[in-house]
PDB file of all heavy atoms in Angstrom:
ATOM      1  N   HIS A   1      -4.618   0.654 -17.989  1.00  0.00           N
ATOM      2  CA  HIS A   1      -4.478   1.755 -17.050  1.00  0.00           C
ATOM      3  C   HIS A   1      -5.315   2.971 -17.507  1.00  0.00           C
ATOM      4  O   HIS A   1      -5.978   3.609 -16.707  1.00  0.00           O
ATOM      5  CB  HIS A   1      -3.008   2.142 -16.912  1.00  0.00           C
ATOM      6  CG  HIS A   1      -2.289   1.265 -15.936  1.00  0.00           C
ATOM      7  ND1 HIS A   1      -2.205   1.535 -14.600  1.00  0.00           N
ATOM      8  CD2 HIS A   1      -1.616   0.103 -16.123  1.00  0.00           C
ATOM      9  CE1 HIS A   1      -1.518   0.591 -13.989  1.00  0.00           C
ATOM     10  NE2 HIS A   1      -1.147  -0.302 -14.898  1.00  0.00           N
ATOM     11  N   LYS A   2      -5.270   3.240 -18.786  1.00  0.00           N
ATOM     12  CA  LYS A   2      -6.029   4.380 -19.324  1.00  0.00           C
ATOM     13  C   LYS A   2      -7.535   4.181 -19.077  1.00  0.00           C
ATOM     14  O   LYS A   2      -8.250   5.139 -18.761  1.00  0.00           O
ATOM     15  CB  LYS A   2      -5.747   4.513 -20.804  1.00  0.00           C
ATOM     16  CG  LYS A   2      -6.474   5.681 -21.477  1.00  0.00           C
ATOM     17  CD  LYS A   2      -6.110   5.777 -22.941  1.00  0.00           C
ATOM     18  CE  LYS A   2      -6.847   6.908 -23.625  1.00  0.00           C
ATOM     19  NZ  LYS A   2      -6.480   7.025 -25.060  1.00  0.00           N
ATOM     20  N   ASN A   3      -7.990   2.961 -19.224  1.00  0.00           N
ATOM     21  CA  ASN A   3      -9.423   2.653 -19.101  1.00  0.00           C
ATOM     22  C   ASN A   3      -9.826   2.263 -17.670  1.00  0.00           C
ATOM     23  O   ASN A   3     -10.955   1.807 -17.444  1.00  0.00           O
ATOM     24  CB  ASN A   3      -9.807   1.540 -20.064  1.00  0.00           C
ATOM     25  CG  ASN A   3      -9.606   1.946 -21.517  1.00  0.00           C
ATOM     26  OD1 ASN A   3      -9.843   3.111 -21.889  1.00  0.00           O
ATOM     27  ND2 ASN A   3      -9.115   1.039 -22.350  1.00  0.00           N
ATOM     28  N   LYS A   4      -8.901   2.433 -16.718  1.00  0.00           N
ATOM     29  CA  LYS A   4      -9.183   2.162 -15.309  1.00  0.00           C
ATOM     30  C   LYS A   4      -9.572   0.704 -15.039  1.00  0.00           C
ATOM     31  O   LYS A   4     -10.445   0.401 -14.243  1.00  0.00           O
ATOM     32  CB  LYS A   4     -10.271   3.086 -14.779  1.00  0.00           C
ATOM     33  CG  LYS A   4     -10.030   4.570 -15.016  1.00  0.00           C
ATOM     34  CD  LYS A   4      -8.827   5.027 -14.199  1.00  0.00           C
ATOM     35  CE  LYS A   4      -8.436   6.467 -14.427  1.00  0.00           C
ATOM     36  NZ  LYS A   4      -9.285   7.410 -14.805  1.00  0.00           N
ATOM     37  N   THR A   5      -8.872  -0.231 -15.718  1.00  0.00           N
ATOM     38  CA  THR A   5      -9.122  -1.642 -15.483  1.00  0.00           C
ATOM     39  C   THR A   5      -7.838  -2.369 -15.026  1.00  0.00           C
ATOM     40  O   THR A   5      -7.732  -3.578 -15.099  1.00  0.00           O
ATOM     41  CB  THR A   5      -9.646  -2.346 -16.761  1.00  0.00           C
ATOM     42  OG1 THR A   5      -8.746  -2.144 -17.855  1.00  0.00           O
ATOM     43  CG2 THR A   5     -11.011  -1.807 -17.119  1.00  0.00           C
ATOM     44  N   ARG A   6      -6.863  -1.606 -14.539  1.00  0.00           N
ATOM     45  CA  ARG A   6      -5.590  -2.207 -14.140  1.00  0.00           C
ATOM     46  C   ARG A   6      -5.744  -3.161 -12.988  1.00  0.00           C
ATOM     47  O   ARG A   6      -4.915  -4.047 -12.765  1.00  0.00           O
ATOM     48  CB  ARG A   6      -4.576  -1.111 -13.801  1.00  0.00           C
ATOM     49  CG  ARG A   6      -5.020  -0.140 -12.715  1.00  0.00           C
ATOM     50  CD  ARG A   6      -4.479  -0.478 -11.373  1.00  0.00           C
ATOM     51  NE  ARG A   6      -5.025   0.367 -10.330  1.00  0.00           N
ATOM     52  CZ  ARG A   6      -4.739   0.238  -9.047  1.00  0.00           C
ATOM     53  NH1 ARG A   6      -3.897  -0.711  -8.649  1.00  0.00           N
ATOM     54  NH2 ARG A   6      -5.328   1.014  -8.123  1.00  0.00           N
ATOM     55  N   HIS A   7      -6.836  -3.057 -12.213  1.00  0.00           N
ATOM     56  CA  HIS A   7      -7.078  -3.963 -11.079  1.00  0.00           C
ATOM     57  C   HIS A   7      -7.327  -5.399 -11.541  1.00  0.00           C
ATOM     58  O   HIS A   7      -7.310  -6.318 -10.729  1.00  0.00           O
ATOM     59  CB  HIS A   7      -8.258  -3.475 -10.239  1.00  0.00           C
ATOM     60  CG  HIS A   7      -9.551  -3.372 -10.996  1.00  0.00           C
ATOM     61  ND1 HIS A   7      -9.853  -2.285 -11.781  1.00  0.00           N
ATOM     62  CD2 HIS A   7     -10.612  -4.233 -11.115  1.00  0.00           C
ATOM     63  CE1 HIS A   7     -11.036  -2.464 -12.337  1.00  0.00           C
ATOM     64  NE2 HIS A   7     -11.527  -3.629 -11.953  1.00  0.00           N
ATOM     65  N   LEU A   8      -7.583  -5.580 -12.850  1.00  0.00           N
ATOM     66  CA  LEU A   8      -7.780  -6.928 -13.388  1.00  0.00           C
ATOM     67  C   LEU A   8      -6.451  -7.670 -13.589  1.00  0.00           C
ATOM     68  O   LEU A   8      -6.450  -8.877 -13.844  1.00  0.00           O
ATOM     69  CB  LEU A   8      -8.562  -6.862 -14.699  1.00  0.00           C
ATOM     70  CG  LEU A   8      -9.958  -6.244 -14.639  1.00  0.00           C
ATOM     71  CD1 LEU A   8     -10.585  -6.170 -16.027  1.00  0.00           C
ATOM     72  CD2 LEU A   8     -10.853  -7.003 -13.673  1.00  0.00           C
ATOM     73  N   ILE A   9      -5.340  -6.946 -13.499  1.00  0.00           N
ATOM     74  CA  ILE A   9      -4.040  -7.564 -13.670  1.00  0.00           C
ATOM     75  C   ILE A   9      -3.587  -8.101 -12.304  1.00  0.00           C
ATOM     76  O   ILE A   9      -3.071  -7.391 -11.459  1.00  0.00           O
ATOM     77  CB  ILE A   9      -3.010  -6.542 -14.186  1.00  0.00           C
ATOM     78  CG1 ILE A   9      -3.502  -5.907 -15.492  1.00  0.00           C
ATOM     79  CG2 ILE A   9      -1.641  -7.234 -14.413  1.00  0.00           C
ATOM     80  CD1 ILE A   9      -2.659  -4.763 -15.976  1.00  0.00           C
ATOM     81  N   GLU A  10      -3.800  -9.397 -12.085  1.00  0.00           N
ATOM     82  CA  GLU A  10      -3.456 -10.008 -10.818  1.00  0.00           C
ATOM     83  C   GLU A  10      -2.898 -11.427 -11.053  1.00  0.00           C
ATOM     84  O   GLU A  10      -3.526 -12.242 -11.718  1.00  0.00           O
ATOM     85  CB  GLU A  10      -4.689 -10.082  -9.899  1.00  0.00           C
ATOM     86  CG  GLU A  10      -4.353 -10.595  -8.503  1.00  0.00           C
ATOM     87  CD  GLU A  10      -5.555 -10.699  -7.600  1.00  0.00           C
ATOM     88  OE1 GLU A  10      -6.670 -10.563  -8.105  1.00  0.00           O
ATOM     89  OE2 GLU A  10      -5.379 -10.925  -6.392  1.00  0.00           O
ATOM     90  N   PRO A  11      -1.691 -11.700 -10.532  1.00  0.00           N
ATOM     91  CA  PRO A  11      -0.880 -10.811  -9.709  1.00  0.00           C
ATOM     92  C   PRO A  11      -0.223  -9.714 -10.573  1.00  0.00           C
ATOM     93  O   PRO A  11       0.032  -9.918 -11.748  1.00  0.00           O
ATOM     94  CB  PRO A  11       0.172 -11.727  -9.108  1.00  0.00           C
ATOM     95  CG  PRO A  11       0.311 -12.828 -10.121  1.00  0.00           C
ATOM     96  CD  PRO A  11      -1.083 -13.026 -10.685  1.00  0.00           C
ATOM     97  N   GLY A  12       0.009  -8.605  -9.946  1.00  0.00           N
ATOM     98  CA  GLY A  12       0.596  -7.466 -10.634  1.00  0.00           C
ATOM     99  C   GLY A  12      -0.033  -6.174 -10.195  1.00  0.00           C
ATOM    100  O   GLY A  12      -0.030  -5.836  -9.000  1.00  0.00           O
ATOM    101  N   CYS A  13      -0.605  -5.423 -11.128  1.00  0.00           N
ATOM    102  CA  CYS A  13      -1.032  -4.058 -10.877  1.00  0.00           C
ATOM    103  C   CYS A  13      -2.137  -3.932  -9.827  1.00  0.00           C
ATOM    104  O   CYS A  13      -2.262  -2.890  -9.184  1.00  0.00           O
ATOM    105  CB  CYS A  13      -1.465  -3.380 -12.182  1.00  0.00           C
ATOM    106  SG  CYS A  13      -0.145  -3.254 -13.415  1.00  0.00           S
ATOM    107  N   ARG A  14      -2.955  -4.958  -9.676  1.00  0.00           N
ATOM    108  CA  ARG A  14      -4.038  -4.865  -8.710  1.00  0.00           C
ATOM    109  C   ARG A  14      -3.539  -4.545  -7.315  1.00  0.00           C
ATOM    110  O   ARG A  14      -4.154  -3.767  -6.591  1.00  0.00           O
ATOM    111  CB  ARG A  14      -4.848  -6.161  -8.641  1.00  0.00           C
ATOM    112  CG  ARG A  14      -6.003  -6.105  -7.647  1.00  0.00           C
ATOM    113  CD  ARG A  14      -6.531  -7.481  -7.257  1.00  0.00           C
ATOM    114  NE  ARG A  14      -7.650  -7.372  -6.343  1.00  0.00           N
ATOM    115  CZ  ARG A  14      -7.551  -7.232  -5.019  1.00  0.00           C
ATOM    116  NH1 ARG A  14      -6.339  -7.146  -4.481  1.00  0.00           N
ATOM    117  NH2 ARG A  14      -8.625  -7.161  -4.240  1.00  0.00           N
ATOM    118  N   ASN A  15      -2.457  -5.176  -6.927  1.00  0.00           N
ATOM    119  CA  ASN A  15      -1.945  -5.036  -5.584  1.00  0.00           C
ATOM    120  C   ASN A  15      -0.802  -4.029  -5.454  1.00  0.00           C
ATOM    121  O   ASN A  15      -0.089  -4.048  -4.444  1.00  0.00           O
ATOM    122  CB  ASN A  15      -1.510  -6.397  -5.053  1.00  0.00           C
ATOM    123  CG  ASN A  15      -2.646  -7.383  -4.967  1.00  0.00           C
ATOM    124  OD1 ASN A  15      -3.722  -7.064  -4.446  1.00  0.00           O
ATOM    125  ND2 ASN A  15      -2.447  -8.572  -5.503  1.00  0.00           N
ATOM    126  N   CYS A  16      -0.636  -3.176  -6.445  1.00  0.00           N
ATOM    127  CA  CYS A  16       0.400  -2.166  -6.411  1.00  0.00           C
ATOM    128  C   CYS A  16       0.142  -1.153  -5.270  1.00  0.00           C
ATOM    129  O   CYS A  16      -0.967  -0.611  -5.163  1.00  0.00           O
ATOM    130  CB  CYS A  16       0.498  -1.423  -7.737  1.00  0.00           C
ATOM    131  SG  CYS A  16       1.776  -0.151  -7.782  1.00  0.00           S
ATOM    132  N   LEU A  17       1.176  -0.893  -4.486  1.00  0.00           N
ATOM    133  CA  LEU A  17       1.004   0.017  -3.363  1.00  0.00           C
ATOM    134  C   LEU A  17       0.978   1.485  -3.757  1.00  0.00           C
ATOM    135  O   LEU A  17       0.696   2.345  -2.943  1.00  0.00           O
ATOM    136  CB  LEU A  17       2.118  -0.225  -2.326  1.00  0.00           C
ATOM    137  CG  LEU A  17       2.061  -1.622  -1.677  1.00  0.00           C
ATOM    138  CD1 LEU A  17       3.253  -1.799  -0.717  1.00  0.00           C
ATOM    139  CD2 LEU A  17       0.767  -1.812  -0.944  1.00  0.00           C
ATOM    140  N   HIS A  18       1.293   1.776  -5.017  1.00  0.00           N
ATOM    141  CA  HIS A  18       1.080   3.121  -5.510  1.00  0.00           C
ATOM    142  C   HIS A  18      -0.402   3.417  -5.714  1.00  0.00           C
ATOM    143  O   HIS A  18      -0.847   4.557  -5.586  1.00  0.00           O
ATOM    144  CB  HIS A  18       1.811   3.341  -6.844  1.00  0.00           C
ATOM    145  CG  HIS A  18       3.297   3.367  -6.717  1.00  0.00           C
ATOM    146  ND1 HIS A  18       3.975   4.286  -5.980  1.00  0.00           N
ATOM    147  CD2 HIS A  18       4.239   2.555  -7.236  1.00  0.00           C
ATOM    148  CE1 HIS A  18       5.278   4.062  -6.053  1.00  0.00           C
ATOM    149  NE2 HIS A  18       5.460   3.015  -6.806  1.00  0.00           N
ATOM    150  N   GLY A  19      -1.181   2.388  -6.004  1.00  0.00           N
ATOM    151  CA  GLY A  19      -2.581   2.535  -6.334  1.00  0.00           C
ATOM    152  C   GLY A  19      -3.540   2.309  -5.186  1.00  0.00           C
ATOM    153  O   GLY A  19      -4.699   1.972  -5.404  1.00  0.00           O
ATOM    154  N   VAL A  20      -3.078   2.530  -3.962  1.00  0.00           N
ATOM    155  CA  VAL A  20      -3.946   2.419  -2.822  1.00  0.00           C
ATOM    156  C   VAL A  20      -4.447   3.795  -2.406  1.00  0.00           C
ATOM    157  O   VAL A  20      -3.898   4.823  -2.812  1.00  0.00           O
ATOM    158  CB  VAL A  20      -3.236   1.733  -1.626  1.00  0.00           C
ATOM    159  CG1 VAL A  20      -2.812   0.338  -2.000  1.00  0.00           C
ATOM    160  CG2 VAL A  20      -2.038   2.563  -1.167  1.00  0.00           C
ATOM    161  N   LYS A  21      -5.485   3.834  -1.593  1.00  0.00           N
ATOM    162  CA  LYS A  21      -5.988   5.099  -1.064  1.00  0.00           C
ATOM    163  C   LYS A  21      -4.961   5.636  -0.074  1.00  0.00           C
ATOM    164  O   LYS A  21      -4.587   4.972   0.884  1.00  0.00           O
ATOM    165  CB  LYS A  21      -7.353   4.893  -0.389  1.00  0.00           C
ATOM    166  CG  LYS A  21      -8.409   4.450  -1.386  1.00  0.00           C
ATOM    167  CD  LYS A  21      -9.738   4.150  -0.694  1.00  0.00           C
ATOM    168  CE  LYS A  21     -10.783   3.673  -1.700  1.00  0.00           C
ATOM    169  NZ  LYS A  21     -12.057   3.302  -1.031  1.00  0.00           N
ATOM    170  N   LYS A  22      -4.450   6.837  -0.321  1.00  0.00           N
ATOM    171  CA  LYS A  22      -3.334   7.373   0.414  1.00  0.00           C
ATOM    172  C   LYS A  22      -3.747   8.033   1.744  1.00  0.00           C
ATOM    173  O   LYS A  22      -4.789   8.664   1.827  1.00  0.00           O
ATOM    174  CB  LYS A  22      -2.579   8.406  -0.439  1.00  0.00           C
ATOM    175  CG  LYS A  22      -1.944   7.794  -1.686  1.00  0.00           C
ATOM    176  CD  LYS A  22      -0.877   6.776  -1.287  1.00  0.00           C
ATOM    177  CE  LYS A  22      -0.191   6.188  -2.527  1.00  0.00           C
ATOM    178  NZ  LYS A  22       0.867   5.229  -2.148  1.00  0.00           N
ATOM    179  N   LYS A  23      -2.917   7.866   2.748  1.00  0.00           N
ATOM    180  CA  LYS A  23      -3.125   8.478   4.053  1.00  0.00           C
ATOM    181  C   LYS A  23      -2.120   9.588   4.326  1.00  0.00           C
ATOM    182  O   LYS A  23      -2.155  10.219   5.386  1.00  0.00           O
ATOM    183  CB  LYS A  23      -3.037   7.408   5.131  1.00  0.00           C
ATOM    184  CG  LYS A  23      -4.091   6.328   5.003  1.00  0.00           C
ATOM    185  CD  LYS A  23      -3.958   5.275   6.107  1.00  0.00           C
ATOM    186  CE  LYS A  23      -5.014   4.216   5.941  1.00  0.00           C
ATOM    187  NZ  LYS A  23      -4.899   3.153   6.994  1.00  0.00           N
ATOM    188  N   GLY A  24      -1.216   9.834   3.384  1.00  0.00           N
ATOM    189  CA  GLY A  24      -0.229  10.886   3.549  1.00  0.00           C
ATOM    190  C   GLY A  24       1.121  10.354   3.954  1.00  0.00           C
ATOM    191  O   GLY A  24       1.224   9.332   4.651  1.00  0.00           O
ATOM    192  N   VAL A  25       2.163  11.087   3.552  1.00  0.00           N
ATOM    193  CA  VAL A  25       3.522  10.624   3.789  1.00  0.00           C
ATOM    194  C   VAL A  25       3.829  10.482   5.276  1.00  0.00           C
ATOM    195  O   VAL A  25       4.626   9.641   5.688  1.00  0.00           O
ATOM    196  CB  VAL A  25       4.542  11.587   3.109  1.00  0.00           C
ATOM    197  CG1 VAL A  25       4.507  12.962   3.753  1.00  0.00           C
ATOM    198  CG2 VAL A  25       5.930  10.991   3.146  1.00  0.00           C
ATOM    199  N   SER A  26       3.212  11.318   6.132  1.00  0.00           N
ATOM    200  CA  SER A  26       3.522  11.286   7.558  1.00  0.00           C
ATOM    201  C   SER A  26       2.693  10.247   8.333  1.00  0.00           C
ATOM    202  O   SER A  26       2.794  10.181   9.552  1.00  0.00           O
ATOM    203  CB  SER A  26       3.314  12.672   8.183  1.00  0.00           C
ATOM    204  OG  SER A  26       1.992  13.108   8.025  1.00  0.00           O
ATOM    205  N   ASN A  27       1.915   9.459   7.605  1.00  0.00           N
ATOM    206  CA  ASN A  27       1.149   8.424   8.289  1.00  0.00           C
ATOM    207  C   ASN A  27       2.069   7.289   8.781  1.00  0.00           C
ATOM    208  O   ASN A  27       2.979   6.870   8.065  1.00  0.00           O
ATOM    209  CB  ASN A  27       0.113   7.818   7.328  1.00  0.00           C
ATOM    210  CG  ASN A  27      -0.599   6.618   7.924  1.00  0.00           C
ATOM    211  OD1 ASN A  27      -1.331   6.741   8.897  1.00  0.00           O
ATOM    212  ND2 ASN A  27      -0.369   5.444   7.345  1.00  0.00           N
ATOM    213  N   ILE A  28       1.861   6.846   9.991  1.00  0.00           N
ATOM    214  CA  ILE A  28       2.570   5.704  10.546  1.00  0.00           C
ATOM    215  C   ILE A  28       1.573   4.569  10.677  1.00  0.00           C
ATOM    216  O   ILE A  28       0.628   4.685  11.467  1.00  0.00           O
ATOM    217  CB  ILE A  28       3.215   6.031  11.890  1.00  0.00           C
ATOM    218  CG1 ILE A  28       4.175   7.220  11.757  1.00  0.00           C
ATOM    219  CG2 ILE A  28       3.965   4.816  12.424  1.00  0.00           C
ATOM    220  CD1 ILE A  28       4.789   7.641  13.049  1.00  0.00           C
ATOM    221  N   PRO A  29       1.722   3.484   9.932  1.00  0.00           N
ATOM    222  CA  PRO A  29       0.748   2.377  10.008  1.00  0.00           C
ATOM    223  C   PRO A  29       0.561   1.878  11.422  1.00  0.00           C
ATOM    224  O   PRO A  29       1.493   1.854  12.221  1.00  0.00           O
ATOM    225  CB  PRO A  29       1.385   1.294   9.100  1.00  0.00           C
ATOM    226  CG  PRO A  29       2.271   2.059   8.155  1.00  0.00           C
ATOM    227  CD  PRO A  29       2.806   3.189   8.953  1.00  0.00           C
ATOM    228  N   SER A  30      -0.628   1.444  11.728  1.00  0.00           N
ATOM    229  CA  SER A  30      -0.977   1.048  13.081  1.00  0.00           C
ATOM    230  C   SER A  30      -0.174  -0.181  13.558  1.00  0.00           C
ATOM    231  O   SER A  30       0.050  -0.351  14.750  1.00  0.00           O
ATOM    232  CB  SER A  30      -2.471   0.728  13.196  1.00  0.00           C
ATOM    233  OG  SER A  30      -2.835  -0.306  12.279  1.00  0.00           O
ATOM    234  N   ASP A  31       0.270  -1.026  12.619  1.00  0.00           N
ATOM    235  CA  ASP A  31       1.041  -2.199  13.024  1.00  0.00           C
ATOM    236  C   ASP A  31       2.542  -2.031  12.800  1.00  0.00           C
ATOM    237  O   ASP A  31       3.291  -3.018  12.709  1.00  0.00           O
ATOM    238  CB  ASP A  31       0.533  -3.468  12.337  1.00  0.00           C
ATOM    239  CG  ASP A  31       0.482  -3.363  10.834  1.00  0.00           C
ATOM    240  OD1 ASP A  31       0.614  -2.229  10.303  1.00  0.00           O
ATOM    241  OD2 ASP A  31       0.284  -4.401  10.172  1.00  0.00           O
ATOM    242  N   TRP A  32       2.994  -0.776  12.702  1.00  0.00           N
ATOM    243  CA  TRP A  32       4.419  -0.499  12.688  1.00  0.00           C
ATOM    244  C   TRP A  32       4.890  -0.234  14.098  1.00  0.00           C
ATOM    245  O   TRP A  32       4.363   0.647  14.799  1.00  0.00           O
ATOM    246  CB  TRP A  32       4.733   0.701  11.787  1.00  0.00           C
ATOM    247  CG  TRP A  32       6.183   1.066  11.770  1.00  0.00           C
ATOM    248  CD1 TRP A  32       6.823   1.996  12.580  1.00  0.00           C
ATOM    249  CD2 TRP A  32       7.220   0.531  10.933  1.00  0.00           C
ATOM    250  NE1 TRP A  32       8.140   2.047  12.296  1.00  0.00           N
ATOM    251  CE2 TRP A  32       8.422   1.164  11.286  1.00  0.00           C
ATOM    252  CE3 TRP A  32       7.216  -0.429   9.922  1.00  0.00           C
ATOM    253  CZ2 TRP A  32       9.631   0.867  10.660  1.00  0.00           C
ATOM    254  CZ3 TRP A  32       8.423  -0.714   9.287  1.00  0.00           C
ATOM    255  CH2 TRP A  32       9.599  -0.077   9.663  1.00  0.00           C
ATOM    256  N   ASP A  33       5.862  -0.968  14.563  1.00  0.00           N
ATOM    257  CA  ASP A  33       6.414  -0.868  15.899  1.00  0.00           C
ATOM    258  C   ASP A  33       7.456   0.255  15.908  1.00  0.00           C
ATOM    259  O   ASP A  33       8.568   0.093  15.420  1.00  0.00           O
ATOM    260  CB  ASP A  33       7.048  -2.192  16.314  1.00  0.00           C
ATOM    261  CG  ASP A  33       7.540  -2.191  17.759  1.00  0.00           C
ATOM    262  OD1 ASP A  33       7.710  -1.115  18.354  1.00  0.00           O
ATOM    263  OD2 ASP A  33       7.787  -3.283  18.294  1.00  0.00           O
ATOM    264  N   VAL A  34       7.114   1.423  16.476  1.00  0.00           N
ATOM    265  CA  VAL A  34       7.987   2.586  16.434  1.00  0.00           C
ATOM    266  C   VAL A  34       9.161   2.454  17.397  1.00  0.00           C
ATOM    267  O   VAL A  34      10.135   3.209  17.303  1.00  0.00           O
ATOM    268  CB  VAL A  34       7.197   3.885  16.720  1.00  0.00           C
ATOM    269  CG1 VAL A  34       6.229   4.173  15.607  1.00  0.00           C
ATOM    270  CG2 VAL A  34       6.479   3.792  18.063  1.00  0.00           C
ATOM    271  N   GLU A  35       9.050   1.556  18.365  1.00  0.00           N
ATOM    272  CA  GLU A  35      10.138   1.354  19.290  1.00  0.00           C
ATOM    273  C   GLU A  35      11.267   0.546  18.670  1.00  0.00           C
ATOM    274  O   GLU A  35      12.452   0.883  18.791  1.00  0.00           O
ATOM    275  CB  GLU A  35       9.677   0.664  20.548  1.00  0.00           C
ATOM    276  CG  GLU A  35      10.778   0.447  21.603  1.00  0.00           C
ATOM    277  CD  GLU A  35      10.279  -0.217  22.874  1.00  0.00           C
ATOM    278  OE1 GLU A  35       9.073  -0.410  23.015  1.00  0.00           O
ATOM    279  OE2 GLU A  35      11.114  -0.523  23.741  1.00  0.00           O
ATOM    280  N   ASN A  36      10.913  -0.517  17.957  1.00  0.00           N
ATOM    281  CA  ASN A  36      11.898  -1.392  17.357  1.00  0.00           C
ATOM    282  C   ASN A  36      12.127  -1.132  15.873  1.00  0.00           C
ATOM    283  O   ASN A  36      12.948  -1.763  15.238  1.00  0.00           O
ATOM    284  CB  ASN A  36      11.484  -2.860  17.557  1.00  0.00           C
ATOM    285  CG  ASN A  36      11.472  -3.263  19.018  1.00  0.00           C
ATOM    286  OD1 ASN A  36      12.451  -3.068  19.731  1.00  0.00           O
ATOM    287  ND2 ASN A  36      10.336  -3.792  19.484  1.00  0.00           N
ATOM    288  N   MET A  37      11.390  -0.202  15.294  1.00  0.00           N
ATOM    289  CA  MET A  37      11.513   0.161  13.881  1.00  0.00           C
ATOM    290  C   MET A  37      11.331  -1.039  12.974  1.00  0.00           C
ATOM    291  O   MET A  37      12.192  -1.378  12.139  1.00  0.00           O
ATOM    292  CB  MET A  37      12.850   0.839  13.623  1.00  0.00           C
ATOM    293  CG  MET A  37      12.898   2.279  14.081  1.00  0.00           C
ATOM    294  SD  MET A  37      11.820   3.348  13.096  1.00  0.00           S
ATOM    295  CE  MET A  37      10.905   4.196  14.410  1.00  0.00           C
ATOM    296  N   GLU A  38      10.193  -1.706  13.142  1.00  0.00           N
ATOM    297  CA  GLU A  38       9.875  -2.855  12.313  1.00  0.00           C
ATOM    298  C   GLU A  38       8.383  -3.138  12.367  1.00  0.00           C
ATOM    299  O   GLU A  38       7.668  -2.597  13.228  1.00  0.00           O
ATOM    300  CB  GLU A  38      10.640  -4.101  12.796  1.00  0.00           C
ATOM    301  CG  GLU A  38      10.298  -4.533  14.204  1.00  0.00           C
ATOM    302  CD  GLU A  38      11.107  -5.716  14.668  1.00  0.00           C
ATOM    303  OE1 GLU A  38      12.080  -6.100  13.950  1.00  0.00           O
ATOM    304  OE2 GLU A  38      10.803  -6.301  15.719  1.00  0.00           O
ATOM    305  N   TRP A  39       7.914  -3.973  11.462  1.00  0.00           N
ATOM    306  CA  TRP A  39       6.528  -4.418  11.493  1.00  0.00           C
ATOM    307  C   TRP A  39       6.298  -5.318  12.706  1.00  0.00           C
ATOM    308  O   TRP A  39       7.201  -6.008  13.161  1.00  0.00           O
ATOM    309  CB  TRP A  39       6.158  -5.179  10.225  1.00  0.00           C
ATOM    310  CG  TRP A  39       6.184  -4.326   8.998  1.00  0.00           C
ATOM    311  CD1 TRP A  39       7.148  -4.381   8.001  1.00  0.00           C
ATOM    312  CD2 TRP A  39       5.267  -3.320   8.613  1.00  0.00           C
ATOM    313  NE1 TRP A  39       6.856  -3.453   7.030  1.00  0.00           N
ATOM    314  CE2 TRP A  39       5.701  -2.795   7.382  1.00  0.00           C
ATOM    315  CE3 TRP A  39       4.126  -2.810   9.189  1.00  0.00           C
ATOM    316  CZ2 TRP A  39       5.038  -1.773   6.709  1.00  0.00           C
ATOM    317  CZ3 TRP A  39       3.430  -1.797   8.536  1.00  0.00           C
ATOM    318  CH2 TRP A  39       3.874  -1.298   7.309  1.00  0.00           C
ATOM    319  N   ASN A  40       5.105  -5.300  13.215  1.00  0.00           N
ATOM    320  CA  ASN A  40       4.773  -6.148  14.360  1.00  0.00           C
ATOM    321  C   ASN A  40       4.957  -7.625  14.043  1.00  0.00           C
ATOM    322  O   ASN A  40       5.212  -8.436  14.920  1.00  0.00           O
ATOM    323  CB  ASN A  40       3.346  -5.893  14.825  1.00  0.00           C
ATOM    324  CG  ASN A  40       3.217  -4.524  15.520  1.00  0.00           C
ATOM    325  OD1 ASN A  40       4.190  -3.960  16.007  1.00  0.00           O
ATOM    326  ND2 ASN A  40       2.019  -3.996  15.546  1.00  0.00           N
ATOM    327  N   TYR A  41       4.776  -7.988  12.796  1.00  0.00           N
ATOM    328  CA  TYR A  41       5.074  -9.348  12.354  1.00  0.00           C
ATOM    329  C   TYR A  41       5.568  -9.267  10.928  1.00  0.00           C
ATOM    330  O   TYR A  41       5.331  -8.312  10.204  1.00  0.00           O
ATOM    331  CB  TYR A  41       3.838 -10.237  12.453  1.00  0.00           C
ATOM    332  CG  TYR A  41       2.836  -9.987  11.348  1.00  0.00           C
ATOM    333  CD1 TYR A  41       2.837 -10.715  10.171  1.00  0.00           C
ATOM    334  CD2 TYR A  41       1.885  -8.969  11.477  1.00  0.00           C
ATOM    335  CE1 TYR A  41       1.948 -10.463   9.160  1.00  0.00           C
ATOM    336  CE2 TYR A  41       0.972  -8.708  10.459  1.00  0.00           C
ATOM    337  CZ  TYR A  41       1.019  -9.451   9.293  1.00  0.00           C
ATOM    338  OH  TYR A  41       0.123  -9.191   8.292  1.00  0.00           O
TER     339      TYR A  41
END
């Protein structure tokens, strides 16, 4: 993590959702169904 190579840990740290490019807390994903409060699939 210190050396910025955590993406080599797969499965594990590479796919961590903390380490994605952030869109902000108020972002609603495009495939989130706001009527039924669930993912489209």
